[in-house]
Amino acid sequence: EKAAPLPLATEDEISPRLQDFATIGELYRAIEIGFDHLAEKIGESRLFLGPPGAQATSRHFWFPELTPVTDLASAHAAIDTIVEQGEGARGEWRSAHFGRLVAVLEEFLDLRDQDAGFEPSRPVLPACVREREDGLPMPLINESFTNRSVDLLNAVYEVILQLLARYFAHTDETDDQLGVLAEVAVGLMKNVVKPLGGLVTRLPIGPEYPGRTAGPTFELFYGVDYLLPHREAAWAVLEERMRLLSELGTRCQSMCAPLFMPTLTKVTGALGDLADQLAEAR
C-alpha cells in the first residue's frame, strides 16, 4: 500500500515541510528552480555569500568535478553534474550511477538464472554494539572480537566526521593544513574503514544468531558538536583520538584469529601513520 502523498507547500509558508519527489533528479531540479527564484528575488551576491575557501575543491579532494559554487552559473553546473552522474537524466545514463546499478542487477539476475543457489553476499545481520538510545529493538553483538572490531569501526567513523567538520568549518588553518585534513579523512576511509568494514562482515555476531555475521553500522553514541573553535585544541584532540584508536586496534590483535591478523595489523598501522601526519602538520 502506497503512502498518501504529502501536501504541497504554499508560497506564504515561512517554515519548510517535507515534500514528495519521484526521483533524486526531480529533487535537484527543484533545488535548481529554488536557486533561480532566490537569485532573481535577492540577487546572486546575497544568495552565494559563503566563502569559496570553505568549500571542497579538487585541490584537496582529487575529484576534477569538484568546483566551488560562487554564483548561479556554477550552481547550475554543480547540479547538472550531480544529476548526470547520479541518474544520467541529461547524459549517457549507462555510465551514471543508476546505469551501473542496473547493470549489476542484470548481471545478478543472469547468474541467478544459471544457478538458483547463487548468493553473492555474506550472511550479514544488522546488529549493534550497544542498545539503541531510541529504544528500537536491534540484535546485539555478543562475540568479543566482533564487538571490539565493530566498536573500532564506529569510533573511526566518528573521527572522520570530526575531520570533515574541521575542514568545512575551519578557522585559521593554512591551505596546507586543510589539505592534510582532507588527506587524513580520505585516508581513514580507504585504509581503515574499507578493510575493517570488510573484516567485520566475516565475523560472527554470537551464538544467538548462528551463521550470521556482523557488518558496519556506523553507530554514533551521543549527539555531539564536532567543531572545537580553536585550531590547536581541535587538532590535538583529533590526533589524541586517532592514537587511542590505534591502541585499541593493537589490543584487538590479542584476540584476533590468524586469518584476520594481516587486515587488523594494516588498519592499526594506518591509524598510527595518519595520526603522525596530523601531528606533523600542526
C-alpha atoms as a PDB file:
ATOM      1  CA  GLU A   1       0.000   0.000   0.000  1.00  0.00           C
ATOM      2  CA  LYS A   2       1.418   3.347  -1.052  1.00  0.00           C
ATOM      3  CA  ALA A   3       1.704   6.184   1.427  1.00  0.00           C
ATOM      4  CA  ALA A   4      -0.570   9.158   0.945  1.00  0.00           C
ATOM      5  CA  PRO A   5       1.161  11.962  -0.964  1.00  0.00           C
ATOM      6  CA  LEU A   6       2.433  14.853   1.097  1.00  0.00           C
ATOM      7  CA  PRO A   7       0.647  18.192   0.665  1.00  0.00           C
ATOM      8  CA  LEU A   8       2.418  20.803  -1.402  1.00  0.00           C
ATOM      9  CA  ALA A   9       3.875  23.795   0.378  1.00  0.00           C
ATOM     10  CA  THR A  10       2.263  27.141  -0.374  1.00  0.00           C
ATOM     11  CA  GLU A  11       4.124  30.322  -1.228  1.00  0.00           C
ATOM     12  CA  ASP A  12       3.281  32.119   2.017  1.00  0.00           C
ATOM     13  CA  GLU A  13       4.613  29.379   4.344  1.00  0.00           C
ATOM     14  CA  ILE A  14       7.633  30.515   6.331  1.00  0.00           C
ATOM     15  CA  SER A  15       8.709  27.093   7.630  1.00  0.00           C
ATOM     16  CA  PRO A  16       9.804  24.153   5.477  1.00  0.00           C
ATOM     17  CA  ARG A  17       7.866  20.921   5.268  1.00  0.00           C
ATOM     18  CA  LEU A  18       8.516  17.505   3.777  1.00  0.00           C
ATOM     19  CA  GLN A  19       7.832  17.254   0.055  1.00  0.00           C
ATOM     20  CA  ASP A  20       7.434  14.331  -2.342  1.00  0.00           C
ATOM     21  CA  PHE A  21       9.935  13.821  -5.164  1.00  0.00           C
ATOM     22  CA  ALA A  22       9.630  10.971  -7.638  1.00  0.00           C
ATOM     23  CA  THR A  23      13.383  10.786  -8.261  1.00  0.00           C
ATOM     24  CA  ILE A  24      16.623  12.246  -6.972  1.00  0.00           C
ATOM     25  CA  GLY A  25      16.825  14.110 -10.260  1.00  0.00           C
ATOM     26  CA  GLU A  26      13.483  15.775  -9.575  1.00  0.00           C
ATOM     27  CA  LEU A  27      14.714  16.823  -6.130  1.00  0.00           C
ATOM     28  CA  TYR A  28      17.791  18.500  -7.573  1.00  0.00           C
ATOM     29  CA  ARG A  29      15.802  20.182 -10.323  1.00  0.00           C
ATOM     30  CA  ALA A  30      13.575  21.629  -7.600  1.00  0.00           C
ATOM     31  CA  ILE A  31      16.701  22.925  -5.867  1.00  0.00           C
ATOM     32  CA  GLU A  32      17.790  24.414  -9.188  1.00  0.00           C
ATOM     33  CA  ILE A  33      14.465  26.211  -9.552  1.00  0.00           C
ATOM     34  CA  GLY A  34      14.861  27.470  -5.998  1.00  0.00           C
ATOM     35  CA  PHE A  35      18.275  28.913  -6.817  1.00  0.00           C
ATOM     36  CA  ASP A  36      16.839  30.693  -9.847  1.00  0.00           C
ATOM     37  CA  HIS A  37      13.964  32.101  -7.816  1.00  0.00           C
ATOM     38  CA  LEU A  38      16.142  33.358  -4.969  1.00  0.00           C
ATOM     39  CA  ALA A  39      18.766  34.815  -7.301  1.00  0.00           C
ATOM     40  CA  GLU A  40      16.054  36.805  -9.029  1.00  0.00           C
ATOM     41  CA  LYS A  41      14.483  37.848  -5.727  1.00  0.00           C
ATOM     42  CA  ILE A  42      17.526  38.876  -3.659  1.00  0.00           C
ATOM     43  CA  GLY A  43      20.417  38.877  -6.137  1.00  0.00           C
ATOM     44  CA  GLU A  44      23.302  36.463  -6.606  1.00  0.00           C
ATOM     45  CA  SER A  45      25.673  38.355  -4.309  1.00  0.00           C
ATOM     46  CA  ARG A  46      23.317  37.922  -1.349  1.00  0.00           C
ATOM     47  CA  LEU A  47      22.459  34.333  -2.241  1.00  0.00           C
ATOM     48  CA  PHE A  48      26.001  32.994  -2.695  1.00  0.00           C
ATOM     49  CA  LEU A  49      27.615  34.686   0.276  1.00  0.00           C
ATOM     50  CA  GLY A  50      29.684  31.878   1.798  1.00  0.00           C
ATOM     51  CA  PRO A  51      33.479  31.998   1.460  1.00  0.00           C
ATOM     52  CA  PRO A  52      34.691  29.934  -1.533  1.00  0.00           C
ATOM     53  CA  GLY A  53      37.609  28.722   0.577  1.00  0.00           C
ATOM     54  CA  ALA A  54      35.212  26.844   2.857  1.00  0.00           C
ATOM     55  CA  GLN A  55      34.144  24.536   0.027  1.00  0.00           C
ATOM     56  CA  ALA A  56      35.684  21.262  -1.037  1.00  0.00           C
ATOM     57  CA  THR A  57      37.503  21.510  -4.353  1.00  0.00           C
ATOM     58  CA  SER A  58      39.703  19.289  -6.480  1.00  0.00           C
ATOM     59  CA  ARG A  59      42.728  20.980  -4.905  1.00  0.00           C
ATOM     60  CA  HIS A  60      42.226  18.873  -1.787  1.00  0.00           C
ATOM     61  CA  PHE A  61      39.863  16.047  -2.715  1.00  0.00           C
ATOM     62  CA  TRP A  62      41.206  14.949  -6.110  1.00  0.00           C
ATOM     63  CA  PHE A  63      37.902  14.966  -7.979  1.00  0.00           C
ATOM     64  CA  PRO A  64      38.144  17.205 -11.058  1.00  0.00           C
ATOM     65  CA  GLU A  65      34.384  17.863 -10.991  1.00  0.00           C
ATOM     66  CA  LEU A  66      34.595  19.499  -7.552  1.00  0.00           C
ATOM     67  CA  THR A  67      34.430  23.253  -8.087  1.00  0.00           C
ATOM     68  CA  PRO A  68      33.318  25.983  -5.680  1.00  0.00           C
ATOM     69  CA  VAL A  69      29.760  27.222  -6.094  1.00  0.00           C
ATOM     70  CA  THR A  70      30.013  31.009  -6.093  1.00  0.00           C
ATOM     71  CA  ASP A  71      27.243  32.156  -8.430  1.00  0.00           C
ATOM     72  CA  LEU A  72      24.172  30.956 -10.295  1.00  0.00           C
ATOM     73  CA  ALA A  73      26.150  29.566 -13.227  1.00  0.00           C
ATOM     74  CA  SER A  74      28.400  27.408 -11.027  1.00  0.00           C
ATOM     75  CA  ALA A  75      25.350  26.257  -9.031  1.00  0.00           C
ATOM     76  CA  HIS A  76      23.672  25.094 -12.240  1.00  0.00           C
ATOM     77  CA  ALA A  77      26.876  23.345 -13.322  1.00  0.00           C
ATOM     78  CA  ALA A  78      27.151  21.527  -9.982  1.00  0.00           C
ATOM     79  CA  ILE A  79      23.545  20.343 -10.135  1.00  0.00           C
ATOM     80  CA  ASP A  80      23.990  19.168 -13.726  1.00  0.00           C
ATOM     81  CA  THR A  81      26.989  17.096 -12.641  1.00  0.00           C
ATOM     82  CA  ILE A  82      25.087  15.560  -9.719  1.00  0.00           C
ATOM     83  CA  VAL A  83      22.062  14.647 -11.826  1.00  0.00           C
ATOM     84  CA  GLU A  84      24.019  13.356 -14.811  1.00  0.00           C
ATOM     85  CA  GLN A  85      26.391  11.266 -12.709  1.00  0.00           C
ATOM     86  CA  GLY A  86      23.599  10.038 -10.459  1.00  0.00           C
ATOM     87  CA  GLU A  87      20.736   9.285 -12.823  1.00  0.00           C
ATOM     88  CA  GLY A  88      22.028  10.196 -16.256  1.00  0.00           C
ATOM     89  CA  ALA A  89      18.872  12.195 -16.838  1.00  0.00           C
ATOM     90  CA  ARG A  90      20.575  14.563 -19.277  1.00  0.00           C
ATOM     91  CA  GLY A  91      23.503  12.440 -20.343  1.00  0.00           C
ATOM     92  CA  GLU A  92      24.608   8.872 -21.003  1.00  0.00           C
ATOM     93  CA  TRP A  93      22.607   7.034 -18.345  1.00  0.00           C
ATOM     94  CA  ARG A  94      24.508   3.746 -18.714  1.00  0.00           C
ATOM     95  CA  SER A  95      27.677   5.311 -17.293  1.00  0.00           C
ATOM     96  CA  ALA A  96      25.807   7.098 -14.481  1.00  0.00           C
ATOM     97  CA  HIS A  97      25.320   5.548 -11.049  1.00  0.00           C
ATOM     98  CA  PHE A  98      21.807   4.476 -11.992  1.00  0.00           C
ATOM     99  CA  GLY A  99      23.044   2.718 -15.116  1.00  0.00           C
ATOM    100  CA  ARG A 100      25.800   0.937 -13.219  1.00  0.00           C
ATOM    101  CA  LEU A 101      23.337  -0.320 -10.620  1.00  0.00           C
ATOM    102  CA  VAL A 102      21.016  -1.546 -13.371  1.00  0.00           C
ATOM    103  CA  ALA A 103      23.962  -3.425 -14.916  1.00  0.00           C
ATOM    104  CA  VAL A 104      24.765  -5.035 -11.551  1.00  0.00           C
ATOM    105  CA  LEU A 105      21.128  -6.100 -11.160  1.00  0.00           C
ATOM    106  CA  GLU A 106      21.014  -7.576 -14.657  1.00  0.00           C
ATOM    107  CA  GLU A 107      24.250  -9.481 -14.067  1.00  0.00           C
ATOM    108  CA  PHE A 108      22.917 -10.806 -10.759  1.00  0.00           C
ATOM    109  CA  LEU A 109      19.649 -11.965 -12.338  1.00  0.00           C
ATOM    110  CA  ASP A 110      21.549 -13.704 -15.143  1.00  0.00           C
ATOM    111  CA  LEU A 111      23.748 -15.550 -12.648  1.00  0.00           C
ATOM    112  CA  ARG A 112      20.745 -16.461 -10.511  1.00  0.00           C
ATOM    113  CA  ASP A 113      19.040 -17.911 -13.613  1.00  0.00           C
ATOM    114  CA  GLN A 114      22.108 -20.073 -14.221  1.00  0.00           C
ATOM    115  CA  ASP A 115      22.384 -21.132 -10.569  1.00  0.00           C
ATOM    116  CA  ALA A 116      19.354 -20.767  -8.309  1.00  0.00           C
ATOM    117  CA  GLY A 117      21.599 -21.120  -5.252  1.00  0.00           C
ATOM    118  CA  PHE A 118      23.916 -18.285  -6.236  1.00  0.00           C
ATOM    119  CA  GLU A 119      24.373 -15.915  -3.285  1.00  0.00           C
ATOM    120  CA  PRO A 120      26.867 -13.068  -3.835  1.00  0.00           C
ATOM    121  CA  SER A 121      26.714 -11.564  -0.353  1.00  0.00           C
ATOM    122  CA  ARG A 122      27.799 -12.604   3.115  1.00  0.00           C
ATOM    123  CA  PRO A 123      25.137 -13.501   5.715  1.00  0.00           C
ATOM    124  CA  VAL A 124      25.226 -10.087   7.386  1.00  0.00           C
ATOM    125  CA  LEU A 125      22.625  -9.278  10.020  1.00  0.00           C
ATOM    126  CA  PRO A 126      22.196  -5.682  11.217  1.00  0.00           C
ATOM    127  CA  ALA A 127      23.445  -5.747  14.791  1.00  0.00           C
ATOM    128  CA  CYS A 128      24.741  -3.117  17.196  1.00  0.00           C
ATOM    129  CA  VAL A 129      27.489  -2.928  19.774  1.00  0.00           C
ATOM    130  CA  ARG A 130      25.155  -1.307  22.311  1.00  0.00           C
ATOM    131  CA  GLU A 131      21.436  -0.887  22.694  1.00  0.00           C
ATOM    132  CA  ARG A 132      19.995   1.963  20.681  1.00  0.00           C
ATOM    133  CA  GLU A 133      19.115   5.117  22.584  1.00  0.00           C
ATOM    134  CA  ASP A 134      15.810   5.424  20.730  1.00  0.00           C
ATOM    135  CA  GLY A 135      14.700   2.073  22.131  1.00  0.00           C
ATOM    136  CA  LEU A 136      14.259   0.374  18.767  1.00  0.00           C
ATOM    137  CA  PRO A 137      14.988  -3.353  19.097  1.00  0.00           C
ATOM    138  CA  MET A 138      18.232  -4.432  17.473  1.00  0.00           C
ATOM    139  CA  PRO A 139      20.332  -7.592  17.814  1.00  0.00           C
ATOM    140  CA  LEU A 140      23.448  -7.060  19.916  1.00  0.00           C
ATOM    141  CA  ILE A 141      26.909  -8.371  19.058  1.00  0.00           C
ATOM    142  CA  ASN A 142      27.989 -10.774  21.793  1.00  0.00           C
ATOM    143  CA  GLU A 143      31.136 -12.188  20.201  1.00  0.00           C
ATOM    144  CA  SER A 144      34.016 -10.350  21.907  1.00  0.00           C
ATOM    145  CA  PHE A 145      36.359  -9.827  18.956  1.00  0.00           C
ATOM    146  CA  THR A 146      33.485  -8.875  16.671  1.00  0.00           C
ATOM    147  CA  ASN A 147      32.196  -6.414  19.248  1.00  0.00           C
ATOM    148  CA  ARG A 148      35.574  -4.714  19.618  1.00  0.00           C
ATOM    149  CA  SER A 149      36.153  -4.598  15.863  1.00  0.00           C
ATOM    150  CA  VAL A 150      32.777  -3.005  15.134  1.00  0.00           C
ATOM    151  CA  ASP A 151      33.311  -0.587  18.016  1.00  0.00           C
ATOM    152  CA  LEU A 152      36.648   0.399  16.493  1.00  0.00           C
ATOM    153  CA  LEU A 153      34.962   0.972  13.147  1.00  0.00           C
ATOM    154  CA  ASN A 154      32.285   3.142  14.762  1.00  0.00           C
ATOM    155  CA  ALA A 155      34.896   5.267  16.527  1.00  0.00           C
ATOM    156  CA  VAL A 156      36.883   5.741  13.311  1.00  0.00           C
ATOM    157  CA  TYR A 157      33.710   6.904  11.582  1.00  0.00           C
ATOM    158  CA  GLU A 158      33.236   9.499  14.316  1.00  0.00           C
ATOM    159  CA  VAL A 159      36.774  10.824  13.790  1.00  0.00           C
ATOM    160  CA  ILE A 160      36.153  11.092  10.040  1.00  0.00           C
ATOM    161  CA  LEU A 161      33.115  13.262  10.749  1.00  0.00           C
ATOM    162  CA  GLN A 162      35.209  15.419  13.064  1.00  0.00           C
ATOM    163  CA  LEU A 163      37.939  15.827  10.444  1.00  0.00           C
ATOM    164  CA  LEU A 164      35.463  16.792   7.737  1.00  0.00           C
ATOM    165  CA  ALA A 165      33.670  19.194  10.073  1.00  0.00           C
ATOM    166  CA  ARG A 166      37.022  20.803  10.826  1.00  0.00           C
ATOM    167  CA  TYR A 167      37.755  21.100   7.113  1.00  0.00           C
ATOM    168  CA  PHE A 168      34.463  22.756   6.219  1.00  0.00           C
ATOM    169  CA  ALA A 169      34.252  24.981   9.317  1.00  0.00           C
ATOM    170  CA  HIS A 170      37.936  25.716   9.831  1.00  0.00           C
ATOM    171  CA  THR A 171      39.307  28.818  11.492  1.00  0.00           C
ATOM    172  CA  ASP A 172      42.941  29.803  10.880  1.00  0.00           C
ATOM    173  CA  GLU A 173      44.188  26.649   9.137  1.00  0.00           C
ATOM    174  CA  THR A 174      46.596  27.212   6.265  1.00  0.00           C
ATOM    175  CA  ASP A 175      45.887  25.779   2.843  1.00  0.00           C
ATOM    176  CA  ASP A 176      48.440  23.038   3.503  1.00  0.00           C
ATOM    177  CA  GLN A 177      46.733  22.156   6.773  1.00  0.00           C
ATOM    178  CA  LEU A 178      43.363  21.949   5.034  1.00  0.00           C
ATOM    179  CA  GLY A 179      44.965  19.568   2.576  1.00  0.00           C
ATOM    180  CA  VAL A 180      46.144  17.392   5.463  1.00  0.00           C
ATOM    181  CA  LEU A 181      42.654  17.295   6.980  1.00  0.00           C
ATOM    182  CA  ALA A 182      41.313  16.096   3.636  1.00  0.00           C
ATOM    183  CA  GLU A 183      44.108  13.554   3.165  1.00  0.00           C
ATOM    184  CA  VAL A 184      43.688  12.112   6.649  1.00  0.00           C
ATOM    185  CA  ALA A 185      39.888  11.895   6.334  1.00  0.00           C
ATOM    186  CA  VAL A 186      40.074  10.129   2.974  1.00  0.00           C
ATOM    187  CA  GLY A 187      42.986   8.027   4.227  1.00  0.00           C
ATOM    188  CA  LEU A 188      40.822   6.758   7.072  1.00  0.00           C
ATOM    189  CA  MET A 189      38.093   5.864   4.591  1.00  0.00           C
ATOM    190  CA  LYS A 190      40.432   3.958   2.278  1.00  0.00           C
ATOM    191  CA  ASN A 191      42.916   2.412   4.688  1.00  0.00           C
ATOM    192  CA  VAL A 192      40.790   1.814   7.781  1.00  0.00           C
ATOM    193  CA  VAL A 193      37.044   1.851   7.092  1.00  0.00           C
ATOM    194  CA  LYS A 194      37.272  -0.160   3.870  1.00  0.00           C
ATOM    195  CA  PRO A 195      39.402  -3.074   5.157  1.00  0.00           C
ATOM    196  CA  LEU A 196      37.826  -3.056   8.621  1.00  0.00           C
ATOM    197  CA  GLY A 197      34.336  -2.889   7.127  1.00  0.00           C
ATOM    198  CA  GLY A 198      35.105  -5.943   5.029  1.00  0.00           C
ATOM    199  CA  LEU A 199      36.598  -7.744   8.008  1.00  0.00           C
ATOM    200  CA  VAL A 200      33.555  -7.392  10.263  1.00  0.00           C
ATOM    201  CA  THR A 201      31.301  -8.936   7.603  1.00  0.00           C
ATOM    202  CA  ARG A 202      33.260 -12.157   8.136  1.00  0.00           C
ATOM    203  CA  LEU A 203      32.885 -12.174  11.920  1.00  0.00           C
ATOM    204  CA  PRO A 204      30.098 -13.954  13.837  1.00  0.00           C
ATOM    205  CA  ILE A 205      27.591 -11.959  15.858  1.00  0.00           C
ATOM    206  CA  GLY A 206      27.240 -14.565  18.572  1.00  0.00           C
ATOM    207  CA  PRO A 207      25.685 -17.934  19.417  1.00  0.00           C
ATOM    208  CA  GLU A 208      22.174 -16.456  19.386  1.00  0.00           C
ATOM    209  CA  TYR A 209      22.461 -15.941  15.619  1.00  0.00           C
ATOM    210  CA  PRO A 210      24.273 -18.972  14.190  1.00  0.00           C
ATOM    211  CA  GLY A 211      25.677 -18.500  10.718  1.00  0.00           C
ATOM    212  CA  ARG A 212      25.093 -14.736  10.706  1.00  0.00           C
ATOM    213  CA  THR A 213      27.857 -12.162  10.569  1.00  0.00           C
ATOM    214  CA  ALA A 214      28.176  -8.538  11.607  1.00  0.00           C
ATOM    215  CA  GLY A 215      28.506  -5.502   9.388  1.00  0.00           C
ATOM    216  CA  PRO A 216      29.337  -1.798   9.579  1.00  0.00           C
ATOM    217  CA  THR A 217      26.609   0.018  11.493  1.00  0.00           C
ATOM    218  CA  PHE A 218      28.267   3.450  11.796  1.00  0.00           C
ATOM    219  CA  GLU A 219      26.815   3.950  15.255  1.00  0.00           C
ATOM    220  CA  LEU A 220      27.174   7.315  16.934  1.00  0.00           C
ATOM    221  CA  PHE A 221      26.596   7.024  20.637  1.00  0.00           C
ATOM    222  CA  TYR A 222      25.774  10.605  21.552  1.00  0.00           C
ATOM    223  CA  GLY A 223      24.844  13.882  19.937  1.00  0.00           C
ATOM    224  CA  VAL A 224      27.972  15.982  19.657  1.00  0.00           C
ATOM    225  CA  ASP A 225      29.128  19.286  18.272  1.00  0.00           C
ATOM    226  CA  TYR A 226      32.049  18.193  16.133  1.00  0.00           C
ATOM    227  CA  LEU A 227      33.668  21.619  15.885  1.00  0.00           C
ATOM    228  CA  LEU A 228      36.074  22.879  18.517  1.00  0.00           C
ATOM    229  CA  PRO A 229      36.590  26.610  17.912  1.00  0.00           C
ATOM    230  CA  HIS A 230      40.365  26.748  18.461  1.00  0.00           C
ATOM    231  CA  ARG A 231      42.641  25.108  15.925  1.00  0.00           C
ATOM    232  CA  GLU A 232      45.407  23.938  18.272  1.00  0.00           C
ATOM    233  CA  ALA A 233      42.941  22.321  20.652  1.00  0.00           C
ATOM    234  CA  ALA A 234      40.929  20.761  17.836  1.00  0.00           C
ATOM    235  CA  TRP A 235      43.966  19.241  16.148  1.00  0.00           C
ATOM    236  CA  ALA A 236      45.327  17.963  19.465  1.00  0.00           C
ATOM    237  CA  VAL A 237      42.033  16.209  20.210  1.00  0.00           C
ATOM    238  CA  LEU A 238      41.887  14.677  16.727  1.00  0.00           C
ATOM    239  CA  GLU A 239      45.428  13.357  16.991  1.00  0.00           C
ATOM    240  CA  GLU A 240      44.851  12.015  20.504  1.00  0.00           C
ATOM    241  CA  ARG A 241      41.682  10.235  19.423  1.00  0.00           C
ATOM    242  CA  MET A 242      43.404   8.571  16.477  1.00  0.00           C
ATOM    243  CA  ARG A 243      46.243   7.336  18.673  1.00  0.00           C
ATOM    244  CA  LEU A 244      43.725   5.890  21.122  1.00  0.00           C
ATOM    245  CA  LEU A 245      42.077   4.070  18.231  1.00  0.00           C
ATOM    246  CA  SER A 246      45.436   2.709  17.107  1.00  0.00           C
ATOM    247  CA  GLU A 247      45.982   1.419  20.651  1.00  0.00           C
ATOM    248  CA  LEU A 248      42.544  -0.212  20.600  1.00  0.00           C
ATOM    249  CA  GLY A 249      43.436  -1.902  17.326  1.00  0.00           C
ATOM    250  CA  THR A 250      46.627  -3.217  18.897  1.00  0.00           C
ATOM    251  CA  ARG A 251      44.693  -4.618  21.861  1.00  0.00           C
ATOM    252  CA  CYS A 252      42.232  -6.278  19.486  1.00  0.00           C
ATOM    253  CA  GLN A 253      45.117  -8.241  17.987  1.00  0.00           C
ATOM    254  CA  SER A 254      45.379 -10.257  21.206  1.00  0.00           C
ATOM    255  CA  MET A 255      42.011 -11.879  20.456  1.00  0.00           C
ATOM    256  CA  CYS A 256      42.325 -11.915  16.665  1.00  0.00           C
ATOM    257  CA  ALA A 257      42.363 -15.164  14.684  1.00  0.00           C
ATOM    258  CA  PRO A 258      45.466 -15.594  12.469  1.00  0.00           C
ATOM    259  CA  LEU A 259      43.267 -15.376   9.365  1.00  0.00           C
ATOM    260  CA  PHE A 260      42.325 -11.776  10.144  1.00  0.00           C
ATOM    261  CA  MET A 261      45.618 -10.586  11.623  1.00  0.00           C
ATOM    262  CA  PRO A 262      47.023  -9.064   8.380  1.00  0.00           C
ATOM    263  CA  THR A 263      43.952  -6.855   7.962  1.00  0.00           C
ATOM    264  CA  LEU A 264      43.925  -5.730  11.575  1.00  0.00           C
ATOM    265  CA  THR A 265      47.670  -5.050  11.503  1.00  0.00           C
ATOM    266  CA  LYS A 266      47.226  -2.919   8.387  1.00  0.00           C
ATOM    267  CA  VAL A 267      44.373  -0.979   9.992  1.00  0.00           C
ATOM    268  CA  THR A 268      46.316  -0.349  13.196  1.00  0.00           C
ATOM    269  CA  GLY A 269      49.374   0.808  11.278  1.00  0.00           C
ATOM    270  CA  ALA A 270      47.300   3.149   9.118  1.00  0.00           C
ATOM    271  CA  LEU A 271      45.772   4.772  12.198  1.00  0.00           C
ATOM    272  CA  GLY A 272      49.223   5.444  13.635  1.00  0.00           C
ATOM    273  CA  ASP A 273      50.603   6.766  10.341  1.00  0.00           C
ATOM    274  CA  LEU A 274      47.665   9.113   9.810  1.00  0.00           C
ATOM    275  CA  ALA A 275      47.946  10.373  13.396  1.00  0.00           C
ATOM    276  CA  ASP A 276      51.624  11.120  12.694  1.00  0.00           C
ATOM    277  CA  GLN A 277      50.650  13.021   9.548  1.00  0.00           C
ATOM    278  CA  LEU A 278      48.197  15.108  11.540  1.00  0.00           C
ATOM    279  CA  ALA A 279      50.788  15.796  14.248  1.00  0.00           C
ATOM    280  CA  GLU A 280      53.427  16.903  11.740  1.00  0.00           C
ATOM    281  CA  ALA A 281      51.028  19.422  10.195  1.00  0.00           C
ATOM    282  CA  ARG A 282      50.082  21.071  13.489  1.00  0.00           C
END
